[in-house]
Amino acid sequence: MDFTLPEECYPVILVTASKPVPSGYRQFEGFMYVQGAADDEEAWSHGLKSIQFWDRHIRLLACSREEEVVRLIKEIVGERRTDEVKEDVSIIAATGLSLGVGNVIPERTMIICGARKGSEQGLDNVLYLHNPTKGKPVTALTQQIFPQAVTFALNHGILNNSPISVLATDSTRPNLDLSISITLILLSLFFNDNGTPILCSQH
């Protein structure tokens, strides 16, 4: 098998390694190893999202020095165009559910994950959920946060395929994990493999 790449390809090699080092990073010959960096993009992406990369990949790949790349990324992230936020939301088949990163969109039913205290505006069609930071986080998730999300989804027509967006306020790991967890719970409870509400498919 020929693995020769055409000249127009830009090879990106991603390696996941697991080697504990005392300080969390260690200099090897030819590269710096940072423990856990492979699946911790917020530590090296500087806030750049995939859609922002592909929109400007020519400029980014033209950079020849690390400081030049970081400076350009900060410029790109600072733009924060509204259309980028919208494009960062994906619809899940025919379920009516959407998952992504963004902010409140008027007149849309939404579950906002990672909202800061005091951000609630009393909207009936928006549920603000905070990541538990004190006490027992697992207990808070299973006994408060997840039940709130399920009740909210039922009250807003999830069994009728009514559109509901589950959004993280940003791409930090805790907020993404919370939004993904809630989406998986809703999918598992209310939909079959075809995206049809379970209760509707039983009739």
N, C-alpha and C. Protein backbone atom coordinates (compact mmCIF):
# COMPACT_ATOMS: atom_id res chain seq x y z
N MET A 1 0.84 -1.19 0.00
CA MET A 1 0.00 0.00 0.00
C MET A 1 0.88 1.25 0.00
N ASP A 2 0.55 2.20 -0.85
CA ASP A 2 1.34 3.42 -0.98
C ASP A 2 0.77 4.49 -0.06
N PHE A 3 1.58 4.96 0.92
CA PHE A 3 1.14 5.98 1.85
C PHE A 3 1.69 7.35 1.49
N THR A 4 2.21 7.51 0.26
CA THR A 4 2.75 8.79 -0.16
C THR A 4 1.62 9.82 -0.29
N LEU A 5 1.80 10.96 0.34
CA LEU A 5 0.78 12.01 0.31
C LEU A 5 1.04 12.95 -0.85
N PRO A 6 -0.02 13.40 -1.51
CA PRO A 6 0.17 14.40 -2.57
C PRO A 6 0.69 15.71 -1.99
N GLU A 7 1.32 16.51 -2.81
CA GLU A 7 1.97 17.73 -2.34
C GLU A 7 0.99 18.73 -1.72
N GLU A 8 -0.28 18.70 -2.17
CA GLU A 8 -1.23 19.68 -1.64
C GLU A 8 -1.74 19.32 -0.24
N CYS A 9 -1.38 18.14 0.26
CA CYS A 9 -1.81 17.75 1.60
C CYS A 9 -0.90 18.34 2.66
N TYR A 10 -1.49 18.67 3.79
CA TYR A 10 -0.74 19.17 4.93
C TYR A 10 -0.91 18.14 6.05
N PRO A 11 0.07 17.28 6.27
CA PRO A 11 -0.10 16.20 7.26
C PRO A 11 -0.17 16.72 8.69
N VAL A 12 -1.15 16.26 9.43
CA VAL A 12 -1.28 16.57 10.85
C VAL A 12 -1.31 15.24 11.59
N ILE A 13 -0.33 14.99 12.41
CA ILE A 13 -0.22 13.72 13.12
C ILE A 13 -0.60 13.94 14.58
N LEU A 14 -1.66 13.28 15.03
CA LEU A 14 -2.13 13.39 16.40
C LEU A 14 -1.79 12.10 17.14
N VAL A 15 -1.09 12.24 18.24
CA VAL A 15 -0.67 11.08 19.01
C VAL A 15 -1.20 11.20 20.43
N THR A 16 -1.91 10.19 20.89
CA THR A 16 -2.38 10.16 22.28
C THR A 16 -1.43 9.29 23.08
N ALA A 17 -0.80 9.89 24.07
CA ALA A 17 0.16 9.16 24.89
C ALA A 17 -0.23 9.27 26.35
N SER A 18 0.15 8.27 27.12
CA SER A 18 -0.14 8.29 28.55
C SER A 18 1.14 7.97 29.30
N LYS A 19 1.81 9.01 29.73
CA LYS A 19 3.05 8.84 30.48
C LYS A 19 3.09 9.88 31.58
N PRO A 20 2.86 9.47 32.82
CA PRO A 20 2.87 10.45 33.92
C PRO A 20 4.26 11.03 34.13
N VAL A 21 4.32 12.35 34.22
CA VAL A 21 5.58 13.03 34.52
C VAL A 21 5.34 13.96 35.70
N PRO A 22 6.32 14.11 36.58
CA PRO A 22 6.11 14.85 37.84
C PRO A 22 5.58 16.27 37.66
N SER A 23 6.09 17.03 36.72
CA SER A 23 5.71 18.42 36.57
C SER A 23 4.55 18.63 35.59
N GLY A 24 4.11 17.55 34.92
CA GLY A 24 3.04 17.66 33.95
C GLY A 24 3.56 17.86 32.54
N TYR A 25 4.82 18.19 32.38
CA TYR A 25 5.41 18.32 31.05
C TYR A 25 6.91 17.99 31.13
N ARG A 26 7.47 17.60 29.98
CA ARG A 26 8.88 17.22 29.95
C ARG A 26 9.41 17.41 28.54
N GLN A 27 10.61 17.96 28.46
CA GLN A 27 11.25 18.19 27.17
C GLN A 27 11.97 16.92 26.71
N PHE A 28 11.57 16.42 25.53
CA PHE A 28 12.27 15.30 24.91
C PHE A 28 13.01 15.83 23.68
N GLU A 29 13.82 14.98 23.09
CA GLU A 29 14.56 15.41 21.91
C GLU A 29 13.59 15.65 20.74
N GLY A 30 13.45 16.89 20.36
CA GLY A 30 12.62 17.23 19.21
C GLY A 30 11.20 17.65 19.54
N PHE A 31 10.76 17.48 20.78
CA PHE A 31 9.39 17.88 21.10
C PHE A 31 9.21 18.03 22.61
N MET A 32 8.16 18.75 22.97
CA MET A 32 7.78 18.91 24.37
C MET A 32 6.56 18.04 24.65
N TYR A 33 6.65 17.14 25.62
CA TYR A 33 5.52 16.29 25.98
C TYR A 33 4.75 16.95 27.12
N VAL A 34 3.45 17.17 26.90
CA VAL A 34 2.57 17.74 27.91
C VAL A 34 1.55 16.69 28.28
N GLN A 35 1.59 16.26 29.52
CA GLN A 35 0.71 15.17 29.96
C GLN A 35 -0.77 15.56 29.82
N GLY A 36 -1.55 14.72 29.10
CA GLY A 36 -2.99 14.95 28.97
C GLY A 36 -3.38 15.96 27.92
N ALA A 37 -2.42 16.51 27.17
CA ALA A 37 -2.75 17.58 26.22
C ALA A 37 -3.53 17.08 25.01
N ALA A 38 -3.43 15.79 24.70
CA ALA A 38 -4.06 15.28 23.48
C ALA A 38 -5.57 15.47 23.49
N ASP A 39 -6.21 15.31 24.67
CA ASP A 39 -7.66 15.45 24.72
C ASP A 39 -8.07 16.67 25.55
N ASP A 40 -7.21 17.66 25.60
CA ASP A 40 -7.47 18.85 26.41
C ASP A 40 -7.22 20.08 25.55
N GLU A 41 -8.06 20.21 24.49
CA GLU A 41 -7.78 21.23 23.48
C GLU A 41 -7.80 22.65 24.02
N GLU A 42 -8.54 22.89 25.13
CA GLU A 42 -8.56 24.25 25.65
C GLU A 42 -7.20 24.69 26.16
N ALA A 43 -6.30 23.72 26.39
CA ALA A 43 -4.96 24.05 26.88
C ALA A 43 -4.04 24.53 25.75
N TRP A 44 -4.39 24.19 24.49
CA TRP A 44 -3.50 24.59 23.41
C TRP A 44 -4.20 25.29 22.24
N SER A 45 -5.54 25.27 22.21
CA SER A 45 -6.23 25.85 21.05
C SER A 45 -6.42 27.36 21.18
N HIS A 46 -6.20 27.91 22.37
CA HIS A 46 -6.38 29.34 22.61
C HIS A 46 -7.79 29.82 22.28
N GLY A 47 -8.78 28.91 22.41
CA GLY A 47 -10.17 29.27 22.18
C GLY A 47 -10.63 29.16 20.74
N LEU A 48 -9.75 28.74 19.83
CA LEU A 48 -10.11 28.62 18.42
C LEU A 48 -11.02 27.42 18.21
N LYS A 49 -12.14 27.63 17.50
CA LYS A 49 -13.07 26.54 17.20
C LYS A 49 -12.80 26.02 15.80
N SER A 50 -13.29 24.81 15.55
CA SER A 50 -13.00 24.17 14.27
C SER A 50 -13.52 25.00 13.10
N ILE A 51 -14.72 25.56 13.24
CA ILE A 51 -15.27 26.34 12.13
C ILE A 51 -14.45 27.59 11.86
N GLN A 52 -13.88 28.18 12.93
CA GLN A 52 -13.03 29.35 12.75
C GLN A 52 -11.72 28.97 12.07
N PHE A 53 -11.22 27.78 12.42
CA PHE A 53 -9.99 27.32 11.76
C PHE A 53 -10.21 27.15 10.26
N TRP A 54 -11.28 26.44 9.87
CA TRP A 54 -11.47 26.16 8.45
C TRP A 54 -11.84 27.40 7.66
N ASP A 55 -12.48 28.36 8.30
CA ASP A 55 -12.77 29.62 7.60
C ASP A 55 -11.51 30.40 7.29
N ARG A 56 -10.46 30.20 8.09
CA ARG A 56 -9.24 31.02 7.95
C ARG A 56 -7.98 30.16 7.91
N HIS A 57 -8.12 28.90 7.49
CA HIS A 57 -6.98 27.98 7.56
C HIS A 57 -5.81 28.41 6.69
N ILE A 58 -6.08 29.11 5.59
CA ILE A 58 -4.98 29.55 4.72
C ILE A 58 -4.09 30.54 5.45
N ARG A 59 -4.70 31.50 6.13
CA ARG A 59 -3.92 32.48 6.90
C ARG A 59 -3.18 31.81 8.06
N LEU A 60 -3.86 30.88 8.74
CA LEU A 60 -3.23 30.22 9.88
C LEU A 60 -2.04 29.36 9.46
N LEU A 61 -2.20 28.61 8.38
CA LEU A 61 -1.13 27.73 7.93
C LEU A 61 0.02 28.49 7.29
N ALA A 62 -0.22 29.75 6.96
CA ALA A 62 0.84 30.58 6.38
C ALA A 62 1.78 31.13 7.46
N CYS A 63 1.37 31.02 8.72
CA CYS A 63 2.21 31.52 9.82
C CYS A 63 3.45 30.64 9.95
N SER A 64 4.59 31.26 10.20
CA SER A 64 5.85 30.50 10.30
C SER A 64 6.38 30.43 11.72
N ARG A 65 5.84 31.22 12.64
CA ARG A 65 6.31 31.21 14.03
C ARG A 65 5.14 31.05 14.98
N GLU A 66 5.39 30.41 16.13
CA GLU A 66 4.33 30.14 17.10
C GLU A 66 3.67 31.43 17.58
N GLU A 67 4.46 32.45 17.87
CA GLU A 67 3.87 33.69 18.36
C GLU A 67 2.98 34.35 17.32
N GLU A 68 3.30 34.14 16.05
CA GLU A 68 2.49 34.67 14.96
C GLU A 68 1.14 33.95 14.90
N VAL A 69 1.17 32.62 15.10
CA VAL A 69 -0.06 31.84 15.11
C VAL A 69 -0.95 32.25 16.28
N VAL A 70 -0.36 32.37 17.46
CA VAL A 70 -1.13 32.74 18.65
C VAL A 70 -1.76 34.11 18.48
N ARG A 71 -1.01 35.06 17.93
CA ARG A 71 -1.53 36.42 17.72
C ARG A 71 -2.71 36.40 16.76
N LEU A 72 -2.61 35.62 15.69
CA LEU A 72 -3.70 35.53 14.72
C LEU A 72 -4.92 34.85 15.32
N ILE A 73 -4.70 33.80 16.12
CA ILE A 73 -5.81 33.11 16.77
C ILE A 73 -6.57 34.06 17.69
N LYS A 74 -5.85 34.85 18.46
CA LYS A 74 -6.50 35.81 19.36
C LYS A 74 -7.34 36.81 18.57
N GLU A 75 -6.83 37.21 17.42
CA GLU A 75 -7.58 38.13 16.56
C GLU A 75 -8.86 37.47 16.05
N ILE A 76 -8.75 36.22 15.62
CA ILE A 76 -9.91 35.49 15.08
C ILE A 76 -10.95 35.25 16.16
N VAL A 77 -10.50 34.76 17.33
CA VAL A 77 -11.42 34.48 18.43
C VAL A 77 -12.11 35.75 18.89
N GLY A 78 -11.41 36.87 18.84
CA GLY A 78 -11.98 38.14 19.27
C GLY A 78 -13.11 38.64 18.39
N GLU A 79 -13.16 38.15 17.15
CA GLU A 79 -14.21 38.61 16.24
C GLU A 79 -15.58 38.12 16.67
N ARG A 80 -15.70 36.82 17.03
CA ARG A 80 -16.94 36.25 17.56
C ARG A 80 -18.17 36.64 16.75
N ARG A 81 -18.15 36.33 15.47
CA ARG A 81 -19.29 36.67 14.63
C ARG A 81 -20.52 35.86 15.00
N THR A 82 -21.69 36.47 14.88
CA THR A 82 -22.95 35.81 15.22
C THR A 82 -23.18 34.58 14.37
N ASP A 83 -22.82 34.62 13.10
CA ASP A 83 -23.09 33.48 12.23
C ASP A 83 -22.23 32.29 12.61
N GLU A 84 -21.06 32.53 13.21
CA GLU A 84 -20.23 31.42 13.64
C GLU A 84 -20.89 30.68 14.79
N VAL A 85 -21.51 31.44 15.69
CA VAL A 85 -22.19 30.80 16.83
C VAL A 85 -23.33 29.93 16.34
N LYS A 86 -24.09 30.44 15.38
CA LYS A 86 -25.21 29.66 14.85
C LYS A 86 -24.73 28.39 14.17
N GLU A 87 -23.62 28.49 13.42
CA GLU A 87 -23.12 27.33 12.68
C GLU A 87 -22.49 26.29 13.60
N ASP A 88 -22.25 26.65 14.86
CA ASP A 88 -21.66 25.72 15.80
C ASP A 88 -22.71 24.85 16.48
N VAL A 89 -23.93 24.86 15.97
CA VAL A 89 -25.02 24.06 16.52
C VAL A 89 -25.44 23.03 15.48
N SER A 90 -25.53 21.77 15.91
CA SER A 90 -25.88 20.68 14.99
C SER A 90 -27.23 20.08 15.37
N ILE A 91 -28.09 19.86 14.37
CA ILE A 91 -29.37 19.21 14.59
C ILE A 91 -29.16 17.69 14.61
N ILE A 92 -29.79 17.01 15.55
CA ILE A 92 -29.63 15.57 15.70
C ILE A 92 -30.77 14.85 14.99
N ALA A 93 -30.50 14.43 13.77
CA ALA A 93 -31.46 13.68 12.96
C ALA A 93 -32.85 14.32 13.00
N ALA A 94 -33.89 13.49 13.21
CA ALA A 94 -35.26 14.00 13.18
C ALA A 94 -35.83 14.22 14.58
N THR A 95 -34.96 14.26 15.59
CA THR A 95 -35.43 14.32 16.97
C THR A 95 -35.97 15.69 17.37
N GLY A 96 -35.55 16.73 16.68
CA GLY A 96 -35.90 18.08 17.10
C GLY A 96 -34.89 18.66 18.07
N LEU A 97 -33.94 17.82 18.53
CA LEU A 97 -32.89 18.28 19.43
C LEU A 97 -31.71 18.83 18.64
N SER A 98 -31.08 19.86 19.21
CA SER A 98 -29.85 20.40 18.65
C SER A 98 -28.81 20.48 19.76
N LEU A 99 -27.56 20.32 19.39
CA LEU A 99 -26.47 20.37 20.36
C LEU A 99 -25.37 21.27 19.82
N GLY A 100 -24.81 22.10 20.70
CA GLY A 100 -23.73 22.96 20.24
C GLY A 100 -23.26 23.94 21.29
N VAL A 101 -22.62 25.00 20.80
CA VAL A 101 -22.09 26.06 21.66
C VAL A 101 -22.70 27.37 21.20
N GLY A 102 -23.18 28.17 22.15
CA GLY A 102 -23.76 29.45 21.75
C GLY A 102 -24.47 30.14 22.89
N ASN A 103 -25.29 31.10 22.55
CA ASN A 103 -26.03 31.88 23.53
C ASN A 103 -27.53 31.81 23.23
N VAL A 104 -28.29 32.49 24.04
CA VAL A 104 -29.74 32.49 23.89
C VAL A 104 -30.15 33.11 22.56
N ILE A 105 -31.01 32.40 21.84
CA ILE A 105 -31.59 32.92 20.61
C ILE A 105 -33.06 33.20 20.88
N PRO A 106 -33.52 34.41 20.67
CA PRO A 106 -34.92 34.75 20.99
C PRO A 106 -35.91 33.79 20.36
N GLU A 107 -36.96 33.45 21.13
CA GLU A 107 -38.07 32.62 20.69
C GLU A 107 -37.68 31.15 20.45
N ARG A 108 -36.50 30.75 20.86
CA ARG A 108 -36.10 29.34 20.74
C ARG A 108 -36.15 28.69 22.11
N THR A 109 -36.59 27.44 22.18
CA THR A 109 -36.57 26.68 23.43
C THR A 109 -35.16 26.14 23.62
N MET A 110 -34.54 26.48 24.75
CA MET A 110 -33.13 26.17 24.93
C MET A 110 -32.81 25.76 26.34
N ILE A 111 -31.82 24.86 26.46
CA ILE A 111 -31.21 24.52 27.74
C ILE A 111 -29.77 25.03 27.66
N ILE A 112 -29.44 26.01 28.49
CA ILE A 112 -28.13 26.64 28.47
C ILE A 112 -27.27 26.06 29.58
N CYS A 113 -26.18 25.41 29.21
CA CYS A 113 -25.32 24.73 30.18
C CYS A 113 -24.07 25.56 30.48
N GLY A 114 -23.82 25.75 31.76
CA GLY A 114 -22.65 26.53 32.17
C GLY A 114 -22.94 27.99 32.35
N ALA A 115 -24.23 28.35 32.47
CA ALA A 115 -24.59 29.75 32.66
C ALA A 115 -24.05 30.24 34.00
N ARG A 116 -23.65 31.49 34.04
CA ARG A 116 -23.16 32.07 35.28
C ARG A 116 -24.32 32.47 36.16
N LYS A 117 -24.06 32.49 37.45
CA LYS A 117 -25.07 32.93 38.39
C LYS A 117 -25.50 34.35 38.05
N GLY A 118 -26.79 34.58 38.06
CA GLY A 118 -27.31 35.91 37.79
C GLY A 118 -27.62 36.16 36.33
N SER A 119 -27.36 35.15 35.46
CA SER A 119 -27.61 35.36 34.03
C SER A 119 -29.06 35.08 33.66
N GLU A 120 -29.82 34.45 34.57
CA GLU A 120 -31.20 34.11 34.28
C GLU A 120 -32.03 35.37 34.06
N GLN A 121 -32.87 35.34 33.05
CA GLN A 121 -33.69 36.50 32.73
C GLN A 121 -35.18 36.18 32.82
N GLY A 122 -35.51 35.06 33.43
CA GLY A 122 -36.91 34.73 33.62
C GLY A 122 -37.66 34.33 32.37
N LEU A 123 -36.97 33.82 31.37
CA LEU A 123 -37.63 33.38 30.13
C LEU A 123 -38.21 31.99 30.32
N ASP A 124 -39.48 31.82 29.98
CA ASP A 124 -40.13 30.52 30.17
C ASP A 124 -39.56 29.44 29.24
N ASN A 125 -39.01 29.85 28.10
CA ASN A 125 -38.54 28.89 27.12
C ASN A 125 -37.03 28.62 27.23
N VAL A 126 -36.41 29.10 28.31
CA VAL A 126 -34.97 28.89 28.50
C VAL A 126 -34.71 28.35 29.90
N LEU A 127 -33.94 27.24 29.97
CA LEU A 127 -33.52 26.67 31.25
C LEU A 127 -32.03 26.89 31.40
N TYR A 128 -31.63 27.61 32.45
CA TYR A 128 -30.22 27.86 32.72
C TYR A 128 -29.72 26.85 33.74
N LEU A 129 -28.65 26.14 33.41
CA LEU A 129 -28.08 25.16 34.31
C LEU A 129 -26.63 25.52 34.63
N HIS A 130 -26.28 25.45 35.91
CA HIS A 130 -24.93 25.76 36.36
C HIS A 130 -24.19 24.47 36.68
N ASN A 131 -22.91 24.42 36.37
CA ASN A 131 -22.09 23.28 36.77
C ASN A 131 -21.89 23.30 38.28
N PRO A 132 -22.15 22.19 38.95
CA PRO A 132 -21.95 22.17 40.41
C PRO A 132 -20.48 22.32 40.76
N THR A 133 -20.17 23.22 41.67
CA THR A 133 -18.77 23.46 42.06
C THR A 133 -18.52 23.18 43.53
N LYS A 134 -19.58 23.01 44.31
CA LYS A 134 -19.40 22.76 45.74
C LYS A 134 -20.16 21.49 46.15
N GLY A 135 -19.83 21.00 47.33
CA GLY A 135 -20.53 19.82 47.85
C GLY A 135 -20.21 18.58 47.04
N LYS A 136 -21.25 17.82 46.73
CA LYS A 136 -21.09 16.57 45.99
C LYS A 136 -21.64 16.77 44.58
N PRO A 137 -20.76 16.99 43.59
CA PRO A 137 -21.22 17.29 42.23
C PRO A 137 -22.07 16.19 41.60
N VAL A 138 -21.73 14.91 41.86
CA VAL A 138 -22.50 13.82 41.27
C VAL A 138 -23.93 13.83 41.80
N THR A 139 -24.08 14.07 43.09
CA THR A 139 -25.42 14.15 43.69
C THR A 139 -26.22 15.30 43.10
N ALA A 140 -25.56 16.44 42.93
CA ALA A 140 -26.24 17.59 42.34
C ALA A 140 -26.69 17.31 40.92
N LEU A 141 -25.85 16.61 40.15
CA LEU A 141 -26.19 16.28 38.77
C LEU A 141 -27.37 15.33 38.70
N THR A 142 -27.31 14.25 39.47
CA THR A 142 -28.33 13.20 39.36
C THR A 142 -29.65 13.55 40.04
N GLN A 143 -29.60 14.38 41.08
CA GLN A 143 -30.81 14.66 41.83
C GLN A 143 -31.41 16.03 41.52
N GLN A 144 -30.65 16.91 40.90
CA GLN A 144 -31.17 18.25 40.63
C GLN A 144 -31.09 18.62 39.15
N ILE A 145 -29.87 18.64 38.62
CA ILE A 145 -29.66 19.18 37.27
C ILE A 145 -30.30 18.32 36.19
N PHE A 146 -30.02 17.02 36.18
CA PHE A 146 -30.58 16.14 35.16
C PHE A 146 -32.11 16.07 35.24
N PRO A 147 -32.70 15.91 36.43
CA PRO A 147 -34.17 15.93 36.51
C PRO A 147 -34.78 17.25 36.02
N GLN A 148 -34.12 18.36 36.30
CA GLN A 148 -34.60 19.66 35.80
C GLN A 148 -34.66 19.66 34.28
N ALA A 149 -33.61 19.16 33.66
CA ALA A 149 -33.55 19.14 32.20
C ALA A 149 -34.63 18.24 31.61
N VAL A 150 -34.84 17.07 32.20
CA VAL A 150 -35.86 16.14 31.72
C VAL A 150 -37.26 16.75 31.85
N THR A 151 -37.55 17.33 33.00
CA THR A 151 -38.87 17.96 33.21
C THR A 151 -39.09 19.10 32.24
N PHE A 152 -38.06 19.92 32.05
CA PHE A 152 -38.15 21.05 31.12
C PHE A 152 -38.45 20.55 29.71
N ALA A 153 -37.73 19.51 29.27
CA ALA A 153 -37.93 18.97 27.93
C ALA A 153 -39.34 18.42 27.75
N LEU A 154 -39.86 17.72 28.75
CA LEU A 154 -41.22 17.20 28.69
C LEU A 154 -42.24 18.33 28.60
N ASN A 155 -42.04 19.35 29.39
CA ASN A 155 -42.97 20.50 29.40
C ASN A 155 -42.93 21.29 28.11
N HIS A 156 -41.87 21.12 27.33
CA HIS A 156 -41.73 21.88 26.09
C HIS A 156 -41.81 20.99 24.85
N GLY A 157 -42.52 19.86 24.99
CA GLY A 157 -42.93 19.09 23.82
C GLY A 157 -41.90 18.21 23.17
N ILE A 158 -40.96 17.67 23.94
CA ILE A 158 -39.95 16.82 23.33
C ILE A 158 -40.56 15.58 22.69
N LEU A 159 -41.68 15.09 23.23
CA LEU A 159 -42.33 13.90 22.67
C LEU A 159 -43.10 14.22 21.39
N ASN A 160 -43.22 15.49 21.07
CA ASN A 160 -43.86 15.90 19.82
C ASN A 160 -42.84 16.44 18.83
N ASN A 161 -41.56 16.12 19.08
CA ASN A 161 -40.46 16.60 18.23
C ASN A 161 -40.35 18.12 18.19
N SER A 162 -40.80 18.79 19.25
CA SER A 162 -40.63 20.24 19.30
C SER A 162 -39.15 20.58 19.39
N PRO A 163 -38.69 21.58 18.66
CA PRO A 163 -37.26 21.92 18.65
C PRO A 163 -36.77 22.37 20.03
N ILE A 164 -35.71 21.73 20.50
CA ILE A 164 -35.07 22.11 21.76
C ILE A 164 -33.57 22.10 21.52
N SER A 165 -32.90 23.21 21.84
CA SER A 165 -31.45 23.30 21.68
C SER A 165 -30.77 23.15 23.03
N VAL A 166 -29.76 22.31 23.09
CA VAL A 166 -28.94 22.16 24.30
C VAL A 166 -27.58 22.77 23.99
N LEU A 167 -27.28 23.90 24.62
CA LEU A 167 -26.07 24.64 24.28
C LEU A 167 -25.16 24.83 25.48
N ALA A 168 -23.86 24.70 25.25
CA ALA A 168 -22.86 25.10 26.23
C ALA A 168 -22.56 26.58 25.98
N THR A 169 -22.33 27.32 27.05
CA THR A 169 -22.07 28.76 26.89
C THR A 169 -20.72 29.01 26.23
N ASP A 170 -19.79 28.05 26.35
CA ASP A 170 -18.49 28.15 25.70
C ASP A 170 -17.93 26.74 25.52
N SER A 171 -16.74 26.65 24.97
CA SER A 171 -16.19 25.33 24.66
C SER A 171 -15.28 24.78 25.74
N THR A 172 -15.42 25.25 26.98
CA THR A 172 -14.64 24.67 28.06
C THR A 172 -15.17 23.27 28.36
N ARG A 173 -14.29 22.39 28.85
CA ARG A 173 -14.65 21.00 29.04
C ARG A 173 -15.86 20.80 29.96
N PRO A 174 -15.94 21.46 31.13
CA PRO A 174 -17.11 21.22 32.00
C PRO A 174 -18.44 21.57 31.34
N ASN A 175 -18.48 22.67 30.61
CA ASN A 175 -19.74 23.07 29.97
C ASN A 175 -20.10 22.16 28.80
N LEU A 176 -19.11 21.76 28.03
CA LEU A 176 -19.36 20.82 26.94
C LEU A 176 -19.84 19.48 27.49
N ASP A 177 -19.18 19.00 28.54
CA ASP A 177 -19.56 17.71 29.13
C ASP A 177 -20.99 17.74 29.64
N LEU A 178 -21.38 18.85 30.26
CA LEU A 178 -22.74 18.97 30.79
C LEU A 178 -23.76 18.96 29.66
N SER A 179 -23.50 19.70 28.59
CA SER A 179 -24.45 19.76 27.47
C SER A 179 -24.57 18.41 26.77
N ILE A 180 -23.45 17.72 26.61
CA ILE A 180 -23.47 16.40 25.96
C ILE A 180 -24.19 15.39 26.83
N SER A 181 -23.94 15.43 28.14
CA SER A 181 -24.60 14.50 29.06
C SER A 181 -26.11 14.66 29.02
N ILE A 182 -26.57 15.90 29.06
CA ILE A 182 -28.01 16.16 29.03
C ILE A 182 -28.62 15.69 27.72
N THR A 183 -27.94 15.95 26.62
CA THR A 183 -28.45 15.52 25.32
C THR A 183 -28.55 13.99 25.24
N LEU A 184 -27.54 13.29 25.73
CA LEU A 184 -27.56 11.82 25.72
C LEU A 184 -28.70 11.28 26.60
N ILE A 185 -28.93 11.92 27.73
CA ILE A 185 -30.03 11.48 28.60
C ILE A 185 -31.37 11.65 27.90
N LEU A 186 -31.57 12.78 27.25
CA LEU A 186 -32.83 13.02 26.54
C LEU A 186 -33.01 12.04 25.38
N LEU A 187 -31.93 11.78 24.66
CA LEU A 187 -32.01 10.83 23.55
C LEU A 187 -32.34 9.42 24.05
N SER A 188 -31.70 9.03 25.16
CA SER A 188 -31.90 7.68 25.69
C SER A 188 -33.31 7.49 26.26
N LEU A 189 -33.82 8.52 26.90
CA LEU A 189 -35.13 8.41 27.54
C LEU A 189 -36.29 8.47 26.56
N PHE A 190 -36.16 9.29 25.52
CA PHE A 190 -37.34 9.64 24.74
C PHE A 190 -37.32 9.23 23.27
N PHE A 191 -36.19 8.70 22.75
CA PHE A 191 -36.13 8.41 21.32
C PHE A 191 -35.58 7.01 21.05
N ASN A 192 -36.04 6.42 19.94
CA ASN A 192 -35.47 5.16 19.50
C ASN A 192 -34.31 5.44 18.54
N ASP A 193 -33.76 4.39 17.96
CA ASP A 193 -32.59 4.56 17.09
C ASP A 193 -32.89 5.32 15.81
N ASN A 194 -34.16 5.44 15.47
CA ASN A 194 -34.55 6.16 14.25
C ASN A 194 -34.86 7.63 14.53
N GLY A 195 -34.74 8.03 15.78
CA GLY A 195 -35.04 9.42 16.13
C GLY A 195 -36.51 9.68 16.36
N THR A 196 -37.30 8.61 16.47
CA THR A 196 -38.73 8.74 16.72
C THR A 196 -39.00 8.70 18.22
N PRO A 197 -39.83 9.59 18.74
CA PRO A 197 -40.17 9.52 20.18
C PRO A 197 -40.67 8.13 20.56
N ILE A 198 -40.16 7.58 21.63
CA ILE A 198 -40.47 6.20 22.02
C ILE A 198 -41.94 6.00 22.27
N LEU A 199 -42.58 6.92 22.99
CA LEU A 199 -43.99 6.75 23.31
C LEU A 199 -44.85 6.77 22.05
N CYS A 200 -44.44 7.60 21.06
CA CYS A 200 -45.21 7.68 19.81
C CYS A 200 -45.02 6.40 18.99
N SER A 201 -43.80 5.82 19.04
CA SER A 201 -43.52 4.64 18.22
C SER A 201 -44.18 3.38 18.77
N GLN A 202 -44.67 3.45 20.00
CA GLN A 202 -45.31 2.28 20.60
C GLN A 202 -46.78 2.16 20.24
N HIS A 203 -47.33 3.19 19.63
CA HIS A 203 -48.75 3.17 19.27
C HIS A 203 -48.92 2.77 17.80
